[in-house]
Amino acid sequence: MNELIYFLLIGLAAGWLAGKLMEGRSFGLVGNLIVGVIGAILGGLVFRLVGLAATGLLGSLICATAGAVLLLFLLQKFGKRP
């Protein structure tokens, strides 16, 4: 249970950071959480593919934020356009 809460808090912070880095704004609590959690999963996959491992709080936050930034970049690049 503690690990799930830790994962969600890291995801929330990563989503907020990615929003600030990519758009200059926040996506709201739920939006930040969704972006951060998906970004954490994506970041973990990418980090493993290049042979890196995230350890500790800071490493997890960096990994999740990098994944969230990548997710937002991909959404901007390939997302719906009006």
Protein backbone atom coordinates (compact mmCIF):
# COMPACT_ATOMS: atom_id res chain seq x y z
CA MET A 1 0.00 0.00 0.00
CA ASN A 2 2.82 2.41 0.85
CA GLU A 3 4.49 1.70 -2.50
CA LEU A 4 1.31 2.61 -4.38
CA ILE A 5 1.02 5.91 -2.50
CA TYR A 6 4.72 6.61 -3.16
CA PHE A 7 4.23 5.83 -6.88
CA LEU A 8 1.18 8.11 -7.12
CA LEU A 9 2.91 10.98 -5.32
CA ILE A 10 5.95 10.69 -7.61
CA GLY A 11 3.59 10.59 -10.60
CA LEU A 12 1.75 13.67 -9.41
CA ALA A 13 4.98 15.62 -8.96
CA ALA A 14 6.34 14.40 -12.30
CA GLY A 15 3.15 15.39 -14.11
CA TRP A 16 3.25 18.85 -12.59
CA LEU A 17 6.95 19.29 -13.49
CA ALA A 18 6.39 18.05 -17.04
CA GLY A 19 3.48 20.46 -17.44
CA LYS A 20 5.66 23.33 -16.30
CA LEU A 21 8.50 22.30 -18.62
CA MET A 22 6.41 21.64 -21.73
CA GLU A 23 3.49 24.06 -21.52
CA GLY A 24 4.35 26.40 -18.71
CA ARG A 25 1.19 25.44 -16.81
CA SER A 26 -0.38 22.71 -14.72
CA PHE A 27 -3.05 20.22 -15.86
CA GLY A 28 -4.90 20.11 -12.57
CA LEU A 29 -4.64 17.43 -9.94
CA VAL A 30 -6.12 14.57 -11.94
CA GLY A 31 -4.42 15.58 -15.19
CA ASN A 32 -1.02 15.82 -13.50
CA LEU A 33 -1.54 12.44 -11.87
CA ILE A 34 -2.48 10.75 -15.15
CA VAL A 35 0.39 12.33 -17.10
CA GLY A 36 2.84 11.56 -14.31
CA VAL A 37 1.82 7.93 -13.80
CA ILE A 38 1.86 7.15 -17.53
CA GLY A 39 5.12 9.09 -17.77
CA ALA A 40 6.63 7.09 -14.92
CA ILE A 41 5.84 3.86 -16.73
CA LEU A 42 7.14 5.22 -20.04
CA GLY A 43 10.24 6.67 -18.39
CA GLY A 44 10.98 3.36 -16.68
CA LEU A 45 10.76 1.53 -20.00
CA VAL A 46 12.99 4.03 -21.79
CA PHE A 47 15.53 4.11 -18.97
CA ARG A 48 15.74 0.29 -18.98
CA LEU A 49 16.18 0.25 -22.76
CA VAL A 50 19.23 2.53 -22.53
CA GLY A 51 20.65 0.67 -19.54
CA LEU A 52 19.87 3.17 -16.78
CA ALA A 53 18.19 2.51 -13.46
CA ALA A 54 16.35 5.00 -11.27
CA THR A 55 17.02 4.56 -7.56
CA GLY A 56 15.76 6.55 -4.64
CA LEU A 57 13.33 9.42 -4.54
CA LEU A 58 15.29 11.76 -6.80
CA GLY A 59 16.02 9.06 -9.37
CA SER A 60 12.37 8.04 -9.49
CA LEU A 61 11.29 11.66 -9.88
CA ILE A 62 13.79 12.27 -12.69
CA CYS A 63 12.75 9.08 -14.48
CA ALA A 64 9.03 9.83 -14.15
CA THR A 65 9.48 13.46 -15.22
CA ALA A 66 11.53 12.46 -18.26
CA GLY A 67 8.82 9.99 -19.23
CA ALA A 68 6.07 12.54 -18.70
CA VAL A 69 7.92 15.12 -20.82
CA LEU A 70 8.34 12.48 -23.54
CA LEU A 71 4.64 11.64 -23.31
CA LEU A 72 3.62 15.30 -23.64
CA PHE A 73 6.02 15.77 -26.55
CA LEU A 74 4.54 12.76 -28.36
CA LEU A 75 1.01 13.96 -27.68
CA GLN A 76 1.86 17.40 -29.07
CA LYS A 77 3.59 15.89 -32.09
CA PHE A 78 1.02 13.22 -33.00
CA GLY A 79 -2.10 14.35 -31.17
CA LYS A 80 -5.28 15.66 -32.74
CA ARG A 81 -4.96 18.97 -34.50
CA PRO A 82 -7.94 21.23 -35.16
